Amino acid sequence: MMHLLFHREAGAVRAAALRIAGEDRVWTFAQLAGTDVPGVCRAELEVGDATLGWTPAAFRDLMQRLLTD
């Protein structure tokens, strides 16, 4: 497990995550937490069997969607 920091409000990342889950059936993060830095949130990245086959490009694309959708 590690923490990822997103330079985006938690509500916007959560909304993007729910859209991705509904459209692509990919669940990203169960919880997002605020930080002491305005406009930055964090999430815990957990890796399991379902994600071990992802390529770095697929992971990057998913993270990009969380930041821009």
PDB file of N, CA and C in Angstrom:
ATOM      1  N   MET A   1       0.834  -1.167   0.000  1.00  0.00           N
ATOM      2  CA  MET A   1       0.000   0.000   0.000  1.00  0.00           C
ATOM      3  C   MET A   1       0.882   1.235   0.000  1.00  0.00           C
ATOM      4  N   MET A   2       0.420   2.249  -0.720  1.00  0.00           N
ATOM      5  CA  MET A   2       1.074   3.550  -0.687  1.00  0.00           C
ATOM      6  C   MET A   2       0.019   4.621  -0.899  1.00  0.00           C
ATOM      7  N   HIS A   3       0.358   5.848  -0.574  1.00  0.00           N
ATOM      8  CA  HIS A   3      -0.562   6.964  -0.769  1.00  0.00           C
ATOM      9  C   HIS A   3      -0.258   7.663  -2.076  1.00  0.00           C
ATOM     10  N   LEU A   4      -1.326   8.027  -2.768  1.00  0.00           N
ATOM     11  CA  LEU A   4      -1.229   8.851  -3.966  1.00  0.00           C
ATOM     12  C   LEU A   4      -1.818  10.208  -3.642  1.00  0.00           C
ATOM     13  N   LEU A   5      -1.162  11.249  -4.084  1.00  0.00           N
ATOM     14  CA  LEU A   5      -1.675  12.609  -3.909  1.00  0.00           C
ATOM     15  C   LEU A   5      -2.196  13.108  -5.246  1.00  0.00           C
ATOM     16  N   PHE A   6      -3.401  13.660  -5.217  1.00  0.00           N
ATOM     17  CA  PHE A   6      -4.029  14.214  -6.410  1.00  0.00           C
ATOM     18  C   PHE A   6      -4.168  15.715  -6.251  1.00  0.00           C
ATOM     19  N   HIS A   7      -3.731  16.457  -7.228  1.00  0.00           N
ATOM     20  CA  HIS A   7      -3.885  17.909  -7.202  1.00  0.00           C
ATOM     21  C   HIS A   7      -5.259  18.252  -7.770  1.00  0.00           C
ATOM     22  N   ARG A   8      -6.273  17.837  -7.007  1.00  0.00           N
ATOM     23  CA  ARG A   8      -7.667  18.058  -7.370  1.00  0.00           C
ATOM     24  C   ARG A   8      -8.502  17.850  -6.111  1.00  0.00           C
ATOM     25  N   GLU A   9      -9.616  18.559  -6.018  1.00  0.00           N
ATOM     26  CA  GLU A   9     -10.502  18.408  -4.861  1.00  0.00           C
ATOM     27  C   GLU A   9     -11.021  16.977  -4.775  1.00  0.00           C
ATOM     28  N   ALA A  10     -11.180  16.484  -3.550  1.00  0.00           N
ATOM     29  CA  ALA A  10     -11.620  15.108  -3.333  1.00  0.00           C
ATOM     30  C   ALA A  10     -12.968  14.832  -3.993  1.00  0.00           C
ATOM     31  N   GLY A  11     -13.885  15.785  -3.948  1.00  0.00           N
ATOM     32  CA  GLY A  11     -15.199  15.591  -4.552  1.00  0.00           C
ATOM     33  C   GLY A  11     -15.130  15.376  -6.052  1.00  0.00           C
ATOM     34  N   ALA A  12     -14.242  16.087  -6.713  1.00  0.00           N
ATOM     35  CA  ALA A  12     -14.094  15.932  -8.160  1.00  0.00           C
ATOM     36  C   ALA A  12     -13.463  14.583  -8.506  1.00  0.00           C
ATOM     37  N   VAL A  13     -12.484  14.152  -7.725  1.00  0.00           N
ATOM     38  CA  VAL A  13     -11.874  12.839  -7.962  1.00  0.00           C
ATOM     39  C   VAL A  13     -12.897  11.738  -7.680  1.00  0.00           C
ATOM     40  N   ARG A  14     -13.674  11.895  -6.622  1.00  0.00           N
ATOM     41  CA  ARG A  14     -14.707  10.908  -6.283  1.00  0.00           C
ATOM     42  C   ARG A  14     -15.737  10.805  -7.409  1.00  0.00           C
ATOM     43  N   ALA A  15     -16.163  11.937  -7.951  1.00  0.00           N
ATOM     44  CA  ALA A  15     -17.134  11.929  -9.045  1.00  0.00           C
ATOM     45  C   ALA A  15     -16.556  11.236 -10.277  1.00  0.00           C
ATOM     46  N   ALA A  16     -15.304  11.510 -10.593  1.00  0.00           N
ATOM     47  CA  ALA A  16     -14.657  10.849 -11.728  1.00  0.00           C
ATOM     48  C   ALA A  16     -14.540   9.355 -11.483  1.00  0.00           C
ATOM     49  N   ALA A  17     -14.202   8.969 -10.263  1.00  0.00           N
ATOM     50  CA  ALA A  17     -14.071   7.544  -9.922  1.00  0.00           C
ATOM     51  C   ALA A  17     -15.404   6.822 -10.089  1.00  0.00           C
ATOM     52  N   LEU A  18     -16.489   7.454  -9.679  1.00  0.00           N
ATOM     53  CA  LEU A  18     -17.809   6.831  -9.817  1.00  0.00           C
ATOM     54  C   LEU A  18     -18.219   6.712 -11.289  1.00  0.00           C
ATOM     55  N   ARG A  19     -17.879   7.730 -12.098  1.00  0.00           N
ATOM     56  CA  ARG A  19     -18.154   7.648 -13.542  1.00  0.00           C
ATOM     57  C   ARG A  19     -17.382   6.491 -14.165  1.00  0.00           C
ATOM     58  N   ILE A  20     -16.106   6.379 -13.823  1.00  0.00           N
ATOM     59  CA  ILE A  20     -15.269   5.309 -14.367  1.00  0.00           C
ATOM     60  C   ILE A  20     -15.807   3.946 -13.937  1.00  0.00           C
ATOM     61  N   ALA A  21     -16.223   3.832 -12.686  1.00  0.00           N
ATOM     62  CA  ALA A  21     -16.777   2.569 -12.197  1.00  0.00           C
ATOM     63  C   ALA A  21     -18.035   2.190 -12.975  1.00  0.00           C
ATOM     64  N   GLY A  22     -18.887   3.168 -13.223  1.00  0.00           N
ATOM     65  CA  GLY A  22     -20.115   2.903 -13.945  1.00  0.00           C
ATOM     66  C   GLY A  22     -19.898   2.591 -15.411  1.00  0.00           C
ATOM     67  N   GLU A  23     -18.981   3.311 -16.037  1.00  0.00           N
ATOM     68  CA  GLU A  23     -18.739   3.147 -17.467  1.00  0.00           C
ATOM     69  C   GLU A  23     -17.851   1.948 -17.784  1.00  0.00           C
ATOM     70  N   ASP A  24     -16.783   1.775 -17.018  1.00  0.00           N
ATOM     71  CA  ASP A  24     -15.759   0.775 -17.355  1.00  0.00           C
ATOM     72  C   ASP A  24     -15.717  -0.406 -16.392  1.00  0.00           C
ATOM     73  N   ARG A  25     -16.542  -0.335 -15.315  1.00  0.00           N
ATOM     74  CA  ARG A  25     -16.548  -1.403 -14.309  1.00  0.00           C
ATOM     75  C   ARG A  25     -15.170  -1.585 -13.670  1.00  0.00           C
ATOM     76  N   VAL A  26     -14.473  -0.471 -13.453  1.00  0.00           N
ATOM     77  CA  VAL A  26     -13.172  -0.463 -12.773  1.00  0.00           C
ATOM     78  C   VAL A  26     -13.337   0.376 -11.509  1.00  0.00           C
ATOM     79  N   TRP A  27     -13.147  -0.260 -10.352  1.00  0.00           N
ATOM     80  CA  TRP A  27     -13.239   0.458  -9.083  1.00  0.00           C
ATOM     81  C   TRP A  27     -11.855   0.954  -8.714  1.00  0.00           C
ATOM     82  N   THR A  28     -11.744   2.231  -8.438  1.00  0.00           N
ATOM     83  CA  THR A  28     -10.435   2.804  -8.139  1.00  0.00           C
ATOM     84  C   THR A  28     -10.211   2.923  -6.632  1.00  0.00           C
ATOM     85  N   PHE A  29     -10.881   3.869  -5.977  1.00  0.00           N
ATOM     86  CA  PHE A  29     -10.601   4.127  -4.572  1.00  0.00           C
ATOM     87  C   PHE A  29     -11.881   4.153  -3.755  1.00  0.00           C
ATOM     88  N   ALA A  30     -11.869   3.463  -2.635  1.00  0.00           N
ATOM     89  CA  ALA A  30     -13.029   3.456  -1.743  1.00  0.00           C
ATOM     90  C   ALA A  30     -13.124   4.761  -0.967  1.00  0.00           C
ATOM     91  N   GLN A  31     -11.979   5.337  -0.612  1.00  0.00           N
ATOM     92  CA  GLN A  31     -11.984   6.567   0.170  1.00  0.00           C
ATOM     93  C   GLN A  31     -10.935   7.533  -0.346  1.00  0.00           C
ATOM     94  N   LEU A  32     -11.307   8.786  -0.332  1.00  0.00           N
ATOM     95  CA  LEU A  32     -10.376   9.872  -0.616  1.00  0.00           C
ATOM     96  C   LEU A  32     -10.355  10.763   0.617  1.00  0.00           C
ATOM     97  N   ALA A  33      -9.217  11.263   0.949  1.00  0.00           N
ATOM     98  CA  ALA A  33      -9.084  12.111   2.139  1.00  0.00           C
ATOM     99  C   ALA A  33      -8.475  13.451   1.747  1.00  0.00           C
ATOM    100  N   GLY A  34      -8.890  14.471   2.435  1.00  0.00           N
ATOM    101  CA  GLY A  34      -8.283  15.769   2.237  1.00  0.00           C
ATOM    102  C   GLY A  34      -6.879  15.794   2.830  1.00  0.00           C
ATOM    103  N   THR A  35      -6.157  16.823   2.509  1.00  0.00           N
ATOM    104  CA  THR A  35      -4.822  17.034   3.065  1.00  0.00           C
ATOM    105  C   THR A  35      -4.770  18.440   3.653  1.00  0.00           C
ATOM    106  N   ASP A  36      -3.636  18.804   4.191  1.00  0.00           N
ATOM    107  CA  ASP A  36      -3.464  20.162   4.708  1.00  0.00           C
ATOM    108  C   ASP A  36      -3.260  21.173   3.585  1.00  0.00           C
ATOM    109  N   VAL A  37      -3.098  20.691   2.366  1.00  0.00           N
ATOM    110  CA  VAL A  37      -2.875  21.560   1.212  1.00  0.00           C
ATOM    111  C   VAL A  37      -4.200  21.740   0.472  1.00  0.00           C
ATOM    112  N   PRO A  38      -4.676  22.963   0.332  1.00  0.00           N
ATOM    113  CA  PRO A  38      -5.934  23.189  -0.385  1.00  0.00           C
ATOM    114  C   PRO A  38      -5.858  22.645  -1.817  1.00  0.00           C
ATOM    115  N   GLY A  39      -6.927  21.978  -2.245  1.00  0.00           N
ATOM    116  CA  GLY A  39      -6.990  21.467  -3.605  1.00  0.00           C
ATOM    117  C   GLY A  39      -6.247  20.169  -3.831  1.00  0.00           C
ATOM    118  N   VAL A  40      -5.739  19.564  -2.760  1.00  0.00           N
ATOM    119  CA  VAL A  40      -5.002  18.302  -2.875  1.00  0.00           C
ATOM    120  C   VAL A  40      -5.691  17.262  -1.990  1.00  0.00           C
ATOM    121  N   CYS A  41      -5.927  16.075  -2.557  1.00  0.00           N
ATOM    122  CA  CYS A  41      -6.483  14.974  -1.779  1.00  0.00           C
ATOM    123  C   CYS A  41      -5.567  13.766  -1.916  1.00  0.00           C
ATOM    124  N   ARG A  42      -5.834  12.760  -1.089  1.00  0.00           N
ATOM    125  CA  ARG A  42      -4.995  11.566  -1.146  1.00  0.00           C
ATOM    126  C   ARG A  42      -5.865  10.326  -1.115  1.00  0.00           C
ATOM    127  N   ALA A  43      -5.296   9.251  -1.634  1.00  0.00           N
ATOM    128  CA  ALA A  43      -5.960   7.955  -1.631  1.00  0.00           C
ATOM    129  C   ALA A  43      -4.913   6.887  -1.390  1.00  0.00           C
ATOM    130  N   GLU A  44      -5.367   5.755  -0.860  1.00  0.00           N
ATOM    131  CA  GLU A  44      -4.474   4.619  -0.670  1.00  0.00           C
ATOM    132  C   GLU A  44      -4.519   3.739  -1.906  1.00  0.00           C
ATOM    133  N   LEU A  45      -3.360   3.413  -2.431  1.00  0.00           N
ATOM    134  CA  LEU A  45      -3.261   2.514  -3.575  1.00  0.00           C
ATOM    135  C   LEU A  45      -2.954   1.120  -3.046  1.00  0.00           C
ATOM    136  N   GLU A  46      -3.870   0.214  -3.308  1.00  0.00           N
ATOM    137  CA  GLU A  46      -3.680  -1.185  -2.928  1.00  0.00           C
ATOM    138  C   GLU A  46      -3.607  -2.000  -4.208  1.00  0.00           C
ATOM    139  N   VAL A  47      -2.671  -2.928  -4.267  1.00  0.00           N
ATOM    140  CA  VAL A  47      -2.491  -3.754  -5.453  1.00  0.00           C
ATOM    141  C   VAL A  47      -2.842  -5.192  -5.109  1.00  0.00           C
ATOM    142  N   GLY A  48      -3.624  -5.799  -5.968  1.00  0.00           N
ATOM    143  CA  GLY A  48      -4.016  -7.191  -5.783  1.00  0.00           C
ATOM    144  C   GLY A  48      -4.024  -7.913  -7.114  1.00  0.00           C
ATOM    145  N   ASP A  49      -4.597  -9.084  -7.126  1.00  0.00           N
ATOM    146  CA  ASP A  49      -4.608  -9.917  -8.330  1.00  0.00           C
ATOM    147  C   ASP A  49      -5.184  -9.195  -9.540  1.00  0.00           C
ATOM    148  N   ALA A  50      -6.244  -8.416  -9.339  1.00  0.00           N
ATOM    149  CA  ALA A  50      -6.908  -7.755 -10.459  1.00  0.00           C
ATOM    150  C   ALA A  50      -6.028  -6.696 -11.126  1.00  0.00           C
ATOM    151  N   THR A  51      -5.116  -6.093 -10.378  1.00  0.00           N
ATOM    152  CA  THR A  51      -4.307  -5.014 -10.947  1.00  0.00           C
ATOM    153  C   THR A  51      -2.897  -5.441 -11.348  1.00  0.00           C
ATOM    154  N   LEU A  52      -2.488  -6.619 -10.987  1.00  0.00           N
ATOM    155  CA  LEU A  52      -1.118  -7.040 -11.297  1.00  0.00           C
ATOM    156  C   LEU A  52      -0.862  -7.149 -12.794  1.00  0.00           C
ATOM    157  N   GLY A  53      -1.906  -7.345 -13.586  1.00  0.00           N
ATOM    158  CA  GLY A  53      -1.734  -7.462 -15.027  1.00  0.00           C
ATOM    159  C   GLY A  53      -1.779  -6.134 -15.770  1.00  0.00           C
ATOM    160  N   TRP A  54      -2.016  -5.038 -15.055  1.00  0.00           N
ATOM    161  CA  TRP A  54      -2.081  -3.739 -15.715  1.00  0.00           C
ATOM    162  C   TRP A  54      -0.700  -3.322 -16.208  1.00  0.00           C
ATOM    163  N   THR A  55      -0.684  -2.659 -17.333  1.00  0.00           N
ATOM    164  CA  THR A  55       0.559  -2.077 -17.828  1.00  0.00           C
ATOM    165  C   THR A  55       0.736  -0.700 -17.191  1.00  0.00           C
ATOM    166  N   PRO A  56       1.944  -0.191 -17.166  1.00  0.00           N
ATOM    167  CA  PRO A  56       2.131   1.177 -16.667  1.00  0.00           C
ATOM    168  C   PRO A  56       1.282   2.184 -17.444  1.00  0.00           C
ATOM    169  N   ALA A  57       1.141   1.985 -18.738  1.00  0.00           N
ATOM    170  CA  ALA A  57       0.347   2.913 -19.551  1.00  0.00           C
ATOM    171  C   ALA A  57      -1.128   2.875 -19.149  1.00  0.00           C
ATOM    172  N   ALA A  58      -1.657   1.689 -18.868  1.00  0.00           N
ATOM    173  CA  ALA A  58      -3.056   1.577 -18.457  1.00  0.00           C
ATOM    174  C   ALA A  58      -3.280   2.266 -17.110  1.00  0.00           C
ATOM    175  N   PHE A  59      -2.340   2.106 -16.178  1.00  0.00           N
ATOM    176  CA  PHE A  59      -2.439   2.768 -14.882  1.00  0.00           C
ATOM    177  C   PHE A  59      -2.372   4.276 -15.058  1.00  0.00           C
ATOM    178  N   ARG A  60      -1.427   4.745 -15.861  1.00  0.00           N
ATOM    179  CA  ARG A  60      -1.290   6.185 -16.113  1.00  0.00           C
ATOM    180  C   ARG A  60      -2.565   6.756 -16.711  1.00  0.00           C
ATOM    181  N   ASP A  61      -3.152   6.053 -17.682  1.00  0.00           N
ATOM    182  CA  ASP A  61      -4.374   6.532 -18.316  1.00  0.00           C
ATOM    183  C   ASP A  61      -5.531   6.624 -17.319  1.00  0.00           C
ATOM    184  N   LEU A  62      -5.640   5.654 -16.442  1.00  0.00           N
ATOM    185  CA  LEU A  62      -6.696   5.673 -15.427  1.00  0.00           C
ATOM    186  C   LEU A  62      -6.496   6.844 -14.470  1.00  0.00           C
ATOM    187  N   MET A  63      -5.281   7.071 -14.019  1.00  0.00           N
ATOM    188  CA  MET A  63      -5.004   8.193 -13.119  1.00  0.00           C
ATOM    189  C   MET A  63      -5.273   9.524 -13.816  1.00  0.00           C
ATOM    190  N   GLN A  64      -4.933   9.611 -15.086  1.00  0.00           N
ATOM    191  CA  GLN A  64      -5.189  10.828 -15.863  1.00  0.00           C
ATOM    192  C   GLN A  64      -6.692  11.114 -15.939  1.00  0.00           C
ATOM    193  N   ARG A  65      -7.476  10.068 -16.119  1.00  0.00           N
ATOM    194  CA  ARG A  65      -8.934  10.231 -16.165  1.00  0.00           C
ATOM    195  C   ARG A  65      -9.464  10.737 -14.819  1.00  0.00           C
ATOM    196  N   LEU A  66      -8.897  10.266 -13.725  1.00  0.00           N
ATOM    197  CA  LEU A  66      -9.332  10.748 -12.413  1.00  0.00           C
ATOM    198  C   LEU A  66      -9.056  12.238 -12.247  1.00  0.00           C
ATOM    199  N   LEU A  67      -8.025  12.714 -12.919  1.00  0.00           N
ATOM    200  CA  LEU A  67      -7.658  14.128 -12.797  1.00  0.00           C
ATOM    201  C   LEU A  67      -8.377  15.030 -13.784  1.00  0.00           C
ATOM    202  N   THR A  68      -8.938  14.451 -14.848  1.00  0.00           N
ATOM    203  CA  THR A  68      -9.507  15.303 -15.898  1.00  0.00           C
ATOM    204  C   THR A  68     -10.969  15.055 -16.203  1.00  0.00           C
ATOM    205  N   ASP A  69     -11.524  13.908 -15.832  1.00  0.00           N
ATOM    206  CA  ASP A  69     -12.943  13.627 -16.142  1.00  0.00           C
ATOM    207  C   ASP A  69     -13.847  14.507 -15.317  1.00  0.00           C
TER     208      ASP A  69
END
